[in-house]
PDB file of N, CA and C in Angstrom:
ATOM      1  N   MET A   1     -34.533 -27.618  -4.735  1.00  0.00           N
ATOM      2  CA  MET A   1     -32.994 -27.874  -5.147  1.00  0.00           C
ATOM      3  C   MET A   1     -32.294 -27.110  -4.227  1.00  0.00           C
ATOM      4  N   SER A   2     -31.286 -27.775  -3.606  1.00  0.00           N
ATOM      5  CA  SER A   2     -30.407 -27.315  -2.697  1.00  0.00           C
ATOM      6  C   SER A   2     -29.083 -26.661  -3.373  1.00  0.00           C
ATOM      7  N   ASN A   3     -28.638 -25.621  -2.855  1.00  0.00           N
ATOM      8  CA  ASN A   3     -27.475 -24.954  -3.322  1.00  0.00           C
ATOM      9  C   ASN A   3     -26.276 -25.578  -2.572  1.00  0.00           C
ATOM     10  N   PRO A   4     -25.197 -26.220  -3.183  1.00  0.00           N
ATOM     11  CA  PRO A   4     -24.179 -26.786  -2.556  1.00  0.00           C
ATOM     12  C   PRO A   4     -23.302 -25.732  -1.917  1.00  0.00           C
ATOM     13  N   PHE A   5     -23.339 -24.552  -2.269  1.00  0.00           N
ATOM     14  CA  PHE A   5     -22.336 -23.395  -1.836  1.00  0.00           C
ATOM     15  C   PHE A   5     -23.092 -22.578  -0.804  1.00  0.00           C
ATOM     16  N   SER A   6     -24.282 -22.876  -0.433  1.00  0.00           N
ATOM     17  CA  SER A   6     -25.067 -22.126   0.665  1.00  0.00           C
ATOM     18  C   SER A   6     -24.389 -22.302   1.957  1.00  0.00           C
ATOM     19  N   GLY A   7     -24.073 -21.247   2.541  1.00  0.00           N
ATOM     20  CA  GLY A   7     -23.589 -21.134   3.849  1.00  0.00           C
ATOM     21  C   GLY A   7     -22.015 -21.000   3.862  1.00  0.00           C
ATOM     22  N   SER A   8     -21.399 -21.212   2.680  1.00  0.00           N
ATOM     23  CA  SER A   8     -19.888 -21.068   2.534  1.00  0.00           C
ATOM     24  C   SER A   8     -19.616 -19.688   2.420  1.00  0.00           C
ATOM     25  N   ASP A   9     -18.347 -19.196   2.611  1.00  0.00           N
ATOM     26  CA  ASP A   9     -17.875 -17.918   2.485  1.00  0.00           C
ATOM     27  C   ASP A   9     -16.573 -17.950   1.802  1.00  0.00           C
ATOM     28  N   LEU A  10     -16.045 -16.809   1.432  1.00  0.00           N
ATOM     29  CA  LEU A  10     -14.718 -16.523   0.675  1.00  0.00           C
ATOM     30  C   LEU A  10     -13.663 -17.173   1.443  1.00  0.00           C
ATOM     31  N   ASP A  11     -13.616 -17.099   2.785  1.00  0.00           N
ATOM     32  CA  ASP A  11     -12.485 -17.525   3.493  1.00  0.00           C
ATOM     33  C   ASP A  11     -12.447 -19.092   3.398  1.00  0.00           C
ATOM     34  N   ASP A  12     -13.741 -19.662   3.436  1.00  0.00           N
ATOM     35  CA  ASP A  12     -13.768 -21.264   3.281  1.00  0.00           C
ATOM     36  C   ASP A  12     -13.265 -21.601   1.807  1.00  0.00           C
ATOM     37  N   PHE A  13     -13.639 -20.925   0.835  1.00  0.00           N
ATOM     38  CA  PHE A  13     -13.119 -21.199  -0.492  1.00  0.00           C
ATOM     39  C   PHE A  13     -11.713 -21.040  -0.639  1.00  0.00           C
ATOM     40  N   LEU A  14     -11.164 -19.917  -0.108  1.00  0.00           N
ATOM     41  CA  LEU A  14      -9.708 -19.792  -0.191  1.00  0.00           C
ATOM     42  C   LEU A  14      -8.951 -20.852   0.721  1.00  0.00           C
ATOM     43  N   GLN A  15      -9.391 -21.182   1.725  1.00  0.00           N
ATOM     44  CA  GLN A  15      -8.927 -22.275   2.506  1.00  0.00           C
ATOM     45  C   GLN A  15      -8.819 -23.576   1.807  1.00  0.00           C
ATOM     46  N   GLU A  16      -9.937 -24.015   1.167  1.00  0.00           N
ATOM     47  CA  GLU A  16      -9.956 -25.092   0.278  1.00  0.00           C
ATOM     48  C   GLU A  16      -9.001 -25.112  -0.828  1.00  0.00           C
ATOM     49  N   GLU A  17      -8.879 -23.983  -1.307  1.00  0.00           N
ATOM     50  CA  GLU A  17      -7.921 -23.810  -2.545  1.00  0.00           C
ATOM     51  C   GLU A  17      -6.431 -23.586  -2.028  1.00  0.00           C
ATOM     52  N   GLY A  18      -6.203 -23.467  -0.783  1.00  0.00           N
ATOM     53  CA  GLY A  18      -4.920 -23.364  -0.245  1.00  0.00           C
ATOM     54  C   GLY A  18      -4.363 -21.986  -0.406  1.00  0.00           C
ATOM     55  N   MET A  19      -5.219 -20.950  -0.602  1.00  0.00           N
ATOM     56  CA  MET A  19      -4.659 -19.564  -0.736  1.00  0.00           C
ATOM     57  C   MET A  19      -5.023 -18.724   0.365  1.00  0.00           C
ATOM     58  N   LEU A  20      -5.739 -19.071   1.393  1.00  0.00           N
ATOM     59  CA  LEU A  20      -6.105 -18.173   2.388  1.00  0.00           C
ATOM     60  C   LEU A  20      -5.121 -17.357   3.157  1.00  0.00           C
ATOM     61  N   GLU A  21      -3.934 -18.013   3.469  1.00  0.00           N
ATOM     62  CA  GLU A  21      -2.937 -17.278   4.143  1.00  0.00           C
ATOM     63  C   GLU A  21      -2.111 -16.226   3.248  1.00  0.00           C
ATOM     64  N   HIS A  22      -2.069 -16.578   2.010  1.00  0.00           N
ATOM     65  CA  HIS A  22      -1.359 -15.667   1.046  1.00  0.00           C
ATOM     66  C   HIS A  22      -2.227 -14.465   0.894  1.00  0.00           C
ATOM     67  N   CYS A  23      -3.666 -14.684   0.581  1.00  0.00           N
ATOM     68  CA  CYS A  23      -4.500 -13.607   0.471  1.00  0.00           C
ATOM     69  C   CYS A  23      -4.555 -12.704   1.611  1.00  0.00           C
ATOM     70  N   GLN A  24      -4.489 -13.256   2.783  1.00  0.00           N
ATOM     71  CA  GLN A  24      -4.518 -12.492   4.030  1.00  0.00           C
ATOM     72  C   GLN A  24      -3.348 -11.517   4.067  1.00  0.00           C
ATOM     73  N   ALA A  25      -2.060 -12.201   3.764  1.00  0.00           N
ATOM     74  CA  ALA A  25      -0.925 -11.409   3.864  1.00  0.00           C
ATOM     75  C   ALA A  25      -0.806 -10.340   2.694  1.00  0.00           C
ATOM     76  N   VAL A  26      -1.440 -10.582   1.581  1.00  0.00           N
ATOM     77  CA  VAL A  26      -1.515  -9.522   0.624  1.00  0.00           C
ATOM     78  C   VAL A  26      -2.328  -8.433   0.903  1.00  0.00           C
ATOM     79  N   ALA A  27      -3.555  -8.819   1.597  1.00  0.00           N
ATOM     80  CA  ALA A  27      -4.455  -7.783   2.188  1.00  0.00           C
ATOM     81  C   ALA A  27      -3.826  -6.887   3.231  1.00  0.00           C
ATOM     82  N   VAL A  28      -3.074  -7.511   4.121  1.00  0.00           N
ATOM     83  CA  VAL A  28      -2.348  -6.609   5.160  1.00  0.00           C
ATOM     84  C   VAL A  28      -1.340  -5.809   4.487  1.00  0.00           C
ATOM     85  N   LYS A  29      -0.597  -6.274   3.579  1.00  0.00           N
ATOM     86  CA  LYS A  29       0.529  -5.423   2.822  1.00  0.00           C
ATOM     87  C   LYS A  29      -0.072  -4.359   2.127  1.00  0.00           C
ATOM     88  N   ARG A  30      -1.202  -4.628   1.467  1.00  0.00           N
ATOM     89  CA  ARG A  30      -1.840  -3.568   0.580  1.00  0.00           C
ATOM     90  C   ARG A  30      -2.191  -2.394   1.551  1.00  0.00           C
ATOM     91  N   VAL A  31      -2.715  -2.653   2.758  1.00  0.00           N
ATOM     92  CA  VAL A  31      -3.080  -1.572   3.655  1.00  0.00           C
ATOM     93  C   VAL A  31      -1.862  -0.781   4.076  1.00  0.00           C
ATOM     94  N   LEU A  32      -0.884  -1.567   4.454  1.00  0.00           N
ATOM     95  CA  LEU A  32       0.380  -0.897   4.820  1.00  0.00           C
ATOM     96  C   LEU A  32       0.877  -0.039   3.768  1.00  0.00           C
ATOM     97  N   SER A  33       1.048  -0.496   2.451  1.00  0.00           N
ATOM     98  CA  SER A  33       1.583   0.158   1.475  1.00  0.00           C
ATOM     99  C   SER A  33       0.779   1.443   1.209  1.00  0.00           C
ATOM    100  N   TYR A  34      -0.465   1.156   1.215  1.00  0.00           N
ATOM    101  CA  TYR A  34      -1.526   2.373   0.893  1.00  0.00           C
ATOM    102  C   TYR A  34      -1.391   3.426   2.004  1.00  0.00           C
ATOM    103  N   GLN A  35      -1.246   3.053   3.092  1.00  0.00           N
ATOM    104  CA  GLN A  35      -1.064   4.123   4.150  1.00  0.00           C
ATOM    105  C   GLN A  35       0.230   4.756   4.137  1.00  0.00           C
ATOM    106  N   LEU A  36       1.286   4.196   3.818  1.00  0.00           N
ATOM    107  CA  LEU A  36       2.678   4.756   3.630  1.00  0.00           C
ATOM    108  C   LEU A  36       2.599   5.866   2.489  1.00  0.00           C
ATOM    109  N   GLN A  37       1.982   5.301   1.359  1.00  0.00           N
ATOM    110  CA  GLN A  37       1.944   6.064   0.294  1.00  0.00           C
ATOM    111  C   GLN A  37       1.177   7.332   0.409  1.00  0.00           C
ATOM    112  N   MET A  38       0.035   7.086   1.037  1.00  0.00           N
ATOM    113  CA  MET A  38      -0.825   8.442   1.307  1.00  0.00           C
ATOM    114  C   MET A  38      -0.170   9.364   2.201  1.00  0.00           C
ATOM    115  N   TYR A  39       0.514   8.873   3.157  1.00  0.00           N
ATOM    116  CA  TYR A  39       1.330   9.720   4.183  1.00  0.00           C
ATOM    117  C   TYR A  39       2.413  10.504   3.306  1.00  0.00           C
ATOM    118  N   MET A  40       3.033   9.810   2.480  1.00  0.00           N
ATOM    119  CA  MET A  40       4.025  10.437   1.617  1.00  0.00           C
ATOM    120  C   MET A  40       3.480  11.456   0.722  1.00  0.00           C
ATOM    121  N   ASP A  41       2.369  11.193   0.040  1.00  0.00           N
ATOM    122  CA  ASP A  41       1.789  12.106  -0.768  1.00  0.00           C
ATOM    123  C   ASP A  41       1.248  13.274  -0.100  1.00  0.00           C
ATOM    124  N   LYS A  42       0.580  13.148   1.096  1.00  0.00           N
ATOM    125  CA  LYS A  42       0.011  14.181   1.903  1.00  0.00           C
ATOM    126  C   LYS A  42       1.036  15.273   2.326  1.00  0.00           C
ATOM    127  N   ASN A  43       2.253  14.542   2.769  1.00  0.00           N
ATOM    128  CA  ASN A  43       3.310  15.472   3.353  1.00  0.00           C
ATOM    129  C   ASN A  43       4.390  15.747   2.284  1.00  0.00           C
ATOM    130  N   GLU A  44       4.057  15.444   1.009  1.00  0.00           N
ATOM    131  CA  GLU A  44       5.027  15.714  -0.084  1.00  0.00           C
ATOM    132  C   GLU A  44       6.370  15.220   0.256  1.00  0.00           C
ATOM    133  N   ILE A  45       6.475  13.871   0.624  1.00  0.00           N
ATOM    134  CA  ILE A  45       7.658  13.301   0.937  1.00  0.00           C
ATOM    135  C   ILE A  45       8.066  12.514  -0.345  1.00  0.00           C
ATOM    136  N   SER A  46       9.207  12.770  -1.026  1.00  0.00           N
ATOM    137  CA  SER A  46       9.669  11.894  -2.164  1.00  0.00           C
ATOM    138  C   SER A  46      10.096  10.574  -1.824  1.00  0.00           C
ATOM    139  N   LYS A  47      10.136   9.800  -2.778  1.00  0.00           N
ATOM    140  CA  LYS A  47      10.788   8.420  -2.466  1.00  0.00           C
ATOM    141  C   LYS A  47      12.168   8.546  -2.029  1.00  0.00           C
ATOM    142  N   THR A  48      12.932   9.364  -2.531  1.00  0.00           N
ATOM    143  CA  THR A  48      14.362   9.571  -2.171  1.00  0.00           C
ATOM    144  C   THR A  48      14.434   9.836  -0.725  1.00  0.00           C
ATOM    145  N   GLU A  49      13.568  10.845  -0.335  1.00  0.00           N
ATOM    146  CA  GLU A  49      13.655  11.290   1.136  1.00  0.00           C
ATOM    147  C   GLU A  49      13.154  10.072   1.964  1.00  0.00           C
ATOM    148  N   MET A  50      12.037   9.464   1.661  1.00  0.00           N
ATOM    149  CA  MET A  50      11.496   8.404   2.370  1.00  0.00           C
ATOM    150  C   MET A  50      12.621   7.295   2.660  1.00  0.00           C
ATOM    151  N   ALA A  51      13.297   7.002   1.560  1.00  0.00           N
ATOM    152  CA  ALA A  51      14.331   6.006   1.525  1.00  0.00           C
ATOM    153  C   ALA A  51      15.507   6.298   2.406  1.00  0.00           C
ATOM    154  N   GLU A  52      15.805   7.683   2.540  1.00  0.00           N
ATOM    155  CA  GLU A  52      16.696   8.119   3.413  1.00  0.00           C
ATOM    156  C   GLU A  52      16.388   8.008   4.790  1.00  0.00           C
ATOM    157  N   ARG A  53      15.130   8.254   5.091  1.00  0.00           N
ATOM    158  CA  ARG A  53      14.520   8.178   6.454  1.00  0.00           C
ATOM    159  C   ARG A  53      14.616   6.642   6.860  1.00  0.00           C
ATOM    160  N   LEU A  54      14.435   5.879   5.928  1.00  0.00           N
ATOM    161  CA  LEU A  54      14.419   4.261   6.249  1.00  0.00           C
ATOM    162  C   LEU A  54      15.829   3.731   6.251  1.00  0.00           C
ATOM    163  N   LYS A  55      16.771   4.593   5.897  1.00  0.00           N
ATOM    164  CA  LYS A  55      18.258   4.121   5.606  1.00  0.00           C
ATOM    165  C   LYS A  55      18.222   3.017   4.687  1.00  0.00           C
ATOM    166  N   THR A  56      17.538   2.999   3.655  1.00  0.00           N
ATOM    167  CA  THR A  56      17.559   1.972   2.472  1.00  0.00           C
ATOM    168  C   THR A  56      17.642   2.709   1.161  1.00  0.00           C
ATOM    169  N   SER A  57      17.678   1.889   0.249  1.00  0.00           N
ATOM    170  CA  SER A  57      17.681   2.448  -1.122  1.00  0.00           C
ATOM    171  C   SER A  57      16.253   2.715  -1.656  1.00  0.00           C
ATOM    172  N   ARG A  58      16.196   3.377  -2.727  1.00  0.00           N
ATOM    173  CA  ARG A  58      14.848   3.640  -3.396  1.00  0.00           C
ATOM    174  C   ARG A  58      14.278   2.203  -3.741  1.00  0.00           C
ATOM    175  N   MET A  59      15.232   1.376  -4.135  1.00  0.00           N
ATOM    176  CA  MET A  59      14.722  -0.097  -4.609  1.00  0.00           C
ATOM    177  C   MET A  59      14.033  -0.787  -3.340  1.00  0.00           C
ATOM    178  N   GLY A  60      14.777  -0.547  -2.333  1.00  0.00           N
ATOM    179  CA  GLY A  60      14.125  -1.172  -0.950  1.00  0.00           C
ATOM    180  C   GLY A  60      12.840  -0.475  -0.646  1.00  0.00           C
ATOM    181  N   LEU A  61      12.692   0.775  -0.800  1.00  0.00           N
ATOM    182  CA  LEU A  61      11.382   1.428  -0.628  1.00  0.00           C
ATOM    183  C   LEU A  61      10.330   0.887  -1.563  1.00  0.00           C
ATOM    184  N   ASN A  62      10.796   0.861  -2.874  1.00  0.00           N
ATOM    185  CA  ASN A  62       9.765   0.223  -3.869  1.00  0.00           C
ATOM    186  C   ASN A  62       9.226  -1.130  -3.419  1.00  0.00           C
ATOM    187  N   ARG A  63      10.170  -1.989  -2.901  1.00  0.00           N
ATOM    188  CA  ARG A  63       9.574  -3.185  -2.403  1.00  0.00           C
ATOM    189  C   ARG A  63       8.679  -3.141  -1.267  1.00  0.00           C
ATOM    190  N   LEU A  64       9.014  -2.082  -0.368  1.00  0.00           N
ATOM    191  CA  LEU A  64       8.076  -1.868   0.716  1.00  0.00           C
ATOM    192  C   LEU A  64       6.679  -1.286   0.211  1.00  0.00           C
ATOM    193  N   LEU A  65       6.754  -0.543  -0.721  1.00  0.00           N
ATOM    194  CA  LEU A  65       5.448   0.003  -1.246  1.00  0.00           C
ATOM    195  C   LEU A  65       4.776  -0.806  -2.193  1.00  0.00           C
ATOM    196  N   ASN A  66       5.501  -1.884  -2.755  1.00  0.00           N
ATOM    197  CA  ASN A  66       4.820  -2.877  -3.693  1.00  0.00           C
ATOM    198  C   ASN A  66       3.790  -3.726  -2.857  1.00  0.00           C
ATOM    199  N   ALA A  67       2.534  -3.443  -3.113  1.00  0.00           N
ATOM    200  CA  ALA A  67       1.391  -4.108  -2.410  1.00  0.00           C
ATOM    201  C   ALA A  67       1.348  -5.596  -2.549  1.00  0.00           C
ATOM    202  N   GLU A  68       2.019  -5.970  -3.675  1.00  0.00           N
ATOM    203  CA  GLU A  68       2.031  -7.557  -3.800  1.00  0.00           C
ATOM    204  C   GLU A  68       3.201  -8.236  -3.211  1.00  0.00           C
ATOM    205  N   ASN A  69       4.108  -7.531  -2.830  1.00  0.00           N
ATOM    206  CA  ASN A  69       5.397  -8.084  -2.211  1.00  0.00           C
ATOM    207  C   ASN A  69       5.148  -8.345  -0.706  1.00  0.00           C
ATOM    208  N   THR A  70       4.964  -9.454  -0.296  1.00  0.00           N
ATOM    209  CA  THR A  70       4.676  -9.793   1.075  1.00  0.00           C
ATOM    210  C   THR A  70       5.732 -10.363   1.879  1.00  0.00           C
ATOM    211  N   SER A  71       6.882 -10.173   1.288  1.00  0.00           N
ATOM    212  CA  SER A  71       8.187 -10.760   1.959  1.00  0.00           C
ATOM    213  C   SER A  71       8.925  -9.791   2.728  1.00  0.00           C
ATOM    214  N   ILE A  72       8.376  -8.663   3.057  1.00  0.00           N
ATOM    215  CA  ILE A  72       9.017  -7.743   3.935  1.00  0.00           C
ATOM    216  C   ILE A  72       9.054  -8.127   5.250  1.00  0.00           C
ATOM    217  N   THR A  73       9.884  -7.817   6.095  1.00  0.00           N
ATOM    218  CA  THR A  73      10.179  -8.199   7.434  1.00  0.00           C
ATOM    219  C   THR A  73       9.318  -7.351   8.458  1.00  0.00           C
ATOM    220  N   LEU A  74       9.113  -7.789   9.632  1.00  0.00           N
ATOM    221  CA  LEU A  74       8.482  -6.837  10.649  1.00  0.00           C
ATOM    222  C   LEU A  74       9.371  -5.710  11.008  1.00  0.00           C
ATOM    223  N   ASP A  75      10.647  -5.992  10.890  1.00  0.00           N
ATOM    224  CA  ASP A  75      11.609  -4.884  11.140  1.00  0.00           C
ATOM    225  C   ASP A  75      11.387  -3.729  10.313  1.00  0.00           C
ATOM    226  N   SER A  76      11.233  -4.081   8.915  1.00  0.00           N
ATOM    227  CA  SER A  76      11.067  -3.201   7.981  1.00  0.00           C
ATOM    228  C   SER A  76       9.789  -2.428   8.100  1.00  0.00           C
ATOM    229  N   MET A  77       8.643  -3.103   8.479  1.00  0.00           N
ATOM    230  CA  MET A  77       7.384  -2.515   8.700  1.00  0.00           C
ATOM    231  C   MET A  77       7.441  -1.516   9.955  1.00  0.00           C
ATOM    232  N   VAL A  78       8.102  -1.927  10.955  1.00  0.00           N
ATOM    233  CA  VAL A  78       8.300  -1.120  12.251  1.00  0.00           C
ATOM    234  C   VAL A  78       9.106   0.227  11.899  1.00  0.00           C
ATOM    235  N   ARG A  79      10.129   0.017  11.116  1.00  0.00           N
ATOM    236  CA  ARG A  79      10.898   1.277  10.692  1.00  0.00           C
ATOM    237  C   ARG A  79      10.156   2.220   9.782  1.00  0.00           C
ATOM    238  N   ALA A  80       9.496   1.646   8.917  1.00  0.00           N
ATOM    239  CA  ALA A  80       8.584   2.442   8.033  1.00  0.00           C
ATOM    240  C   ALA A  80       7.504   3.312   8.947  1.00  0.00           C
ATOM    241  N   ALA A  81       6.816   2.614   9.805  1.00  0.00           N
ATOM    242  CA  ALA A  81       5.883   3.279  10.659  1.00  0.00           C
ATOM    243  C   ALA A  81       6.571   4.368  11.457  1.00  0.00           C
ATOM    244  N   ASN A  82       7.792   4.154  12.067  1.00  0.00           N
ATOM    245  CA  ASN A  82       8.564   5.095  12.698  1.00  0.00           C
ATOM    246  C   ASN A  82       8.993   6.164  12.015  1.00  0.00           C
ATOM    247  N   ALA A  83       9.311   5.951  10.690  1.00  0.00           N
ATOM    248  CA  ALA A  83       9.916   6.912   9.809  1.00  0.00           C
ATOM    249  C   ALA A  83       8.865   8.074   9.361  1.00  0.00           C
ATOM    250  N   VAL A  84       7.544   7.747   9.611  1.00  0.00           N
ATOM    251  CA  VAL A  84       6.479   8.665   9.241  1.00  0.00           C
ATOM    252  C   VAL A  84       5.791   9.145  10.697  1.00  0.00           C
ATOM    253  N   GLY A  85       6.531   8.863  11.662  1.00  0.00           N
ATOM    254  CA  GLY A  85       5.924   9.258  13.062  1.00  0.00           C
ATOM    255  C   GLY A  85       4.759   8.343  13.579  1.00  0.00           C
ATOM    256  N   GLY A  86       4.604   7.186  12.983  1.00  0.00           N
ATOM    257  CA  GLY A  86       3.584   6.279  13.422  1.00  0.00           C
ATOM    258  C   GLY A  86       4.078   5.153  14.296  1.00  0.00           C
ATOM    259  N   LYS A  87       3.061   4.165  14.543  1.00  0.00           N
ATOM    260  CA  LYS A  87       3.420   3.107  15.312  1.00  0.00           C
ATOM    261  C   LYS A  87       2.780   1.856  14.623  1.00  0.00           C
ATOM    262  N   LEU A  88       3.423   0.865  14.354  1.00  0.00           N
ATOM    263  CA  LEU A  88       2.841  -0.248  13.792  1.00  0.00           C
ATOM    264  C   LEU A  88       2.197  -1.213  14.847  1.00  0.00           C
ATOM    265  N   SER A  89       0.976  -1.508  14.521  1.00  0.00           N
ATOM    266  CA  SER A  89       0.154  -2.368  15.579  1.00  0.00           C
ATOM    267  C   SER A  89      -0.313  -3.625  14.840  1.00  0.00           C
ATOM    268  N   ILE A  90      -0.020  -4.704  15.456  1.00  0.00           N
ATOM    269  CA  ILE A  90      -0.407  -5.943  14.837  1.00  0.00           C
ATOM    270  C   ILE A  90      -1.251  -6.709  15.985  1.00  0.00           C
ATOM    271  N   SER A  91      -2.321  -7.396  15.586  1.00  0.00           N
ATOM    272  CA  SER A  91      -2.949  -7.959  16.660  1.00  0.00           C
ATOM    273  C   SER A  91      -3.448  -9.562  15.964  1.00  0.00           C
ATOM    274  N   LEU A  92      -3.617 -10.384  16.915  1.00  0.00           N
ATOM    275  CA  LEU A  92      -4.179 -11.628  16.518  1.00  0.00           C
ATOM    276  C   LEU A  92      -5.553 -11.881  16.906  1.00  0.00           C
ATOM    277  N   ALA A  93      -6.434 -12.150  15.987  1.00  0.00           N
ATOM    278  CA  ALA A  93      -7.817 -12.269  16.153  1.00  0.00           C
ATOM    279  C   ALA A  93      -8.183 -13.705  16.085  1.00  0.00           C
ATOM    280  N   TYR A  94      -9.064 -14.172  16.947  1.00  0.00           N
ATOM    281  CA  TYR A  94      -9.640 -15.567  16.954  1.00  0.00           C
ATOM    282  C   TYR A  94     -10.901 -15.583  16.446  1.00  0.00           C
TER     283      TYR A  94
END
């Protein structure tokens, strides 16, 4: 008896369901949000202070830290990286 799903992977399934791009965006955003939150925690930076560094409101910072919100701009991501002394690096893999 042959398994019809043999050889398939999660990416294939998500592509068939039309969800691959969204899932990839959420995964990238979760990593960025996690890294920013960890930096803030480690360095005892409050949300108010971080928002000031970003020249935004706390609500704007909350959108940036919300792992499910993938609608942030590259500009916001770069500013966030710079605000904590980091550098945003994005690459395209084939």
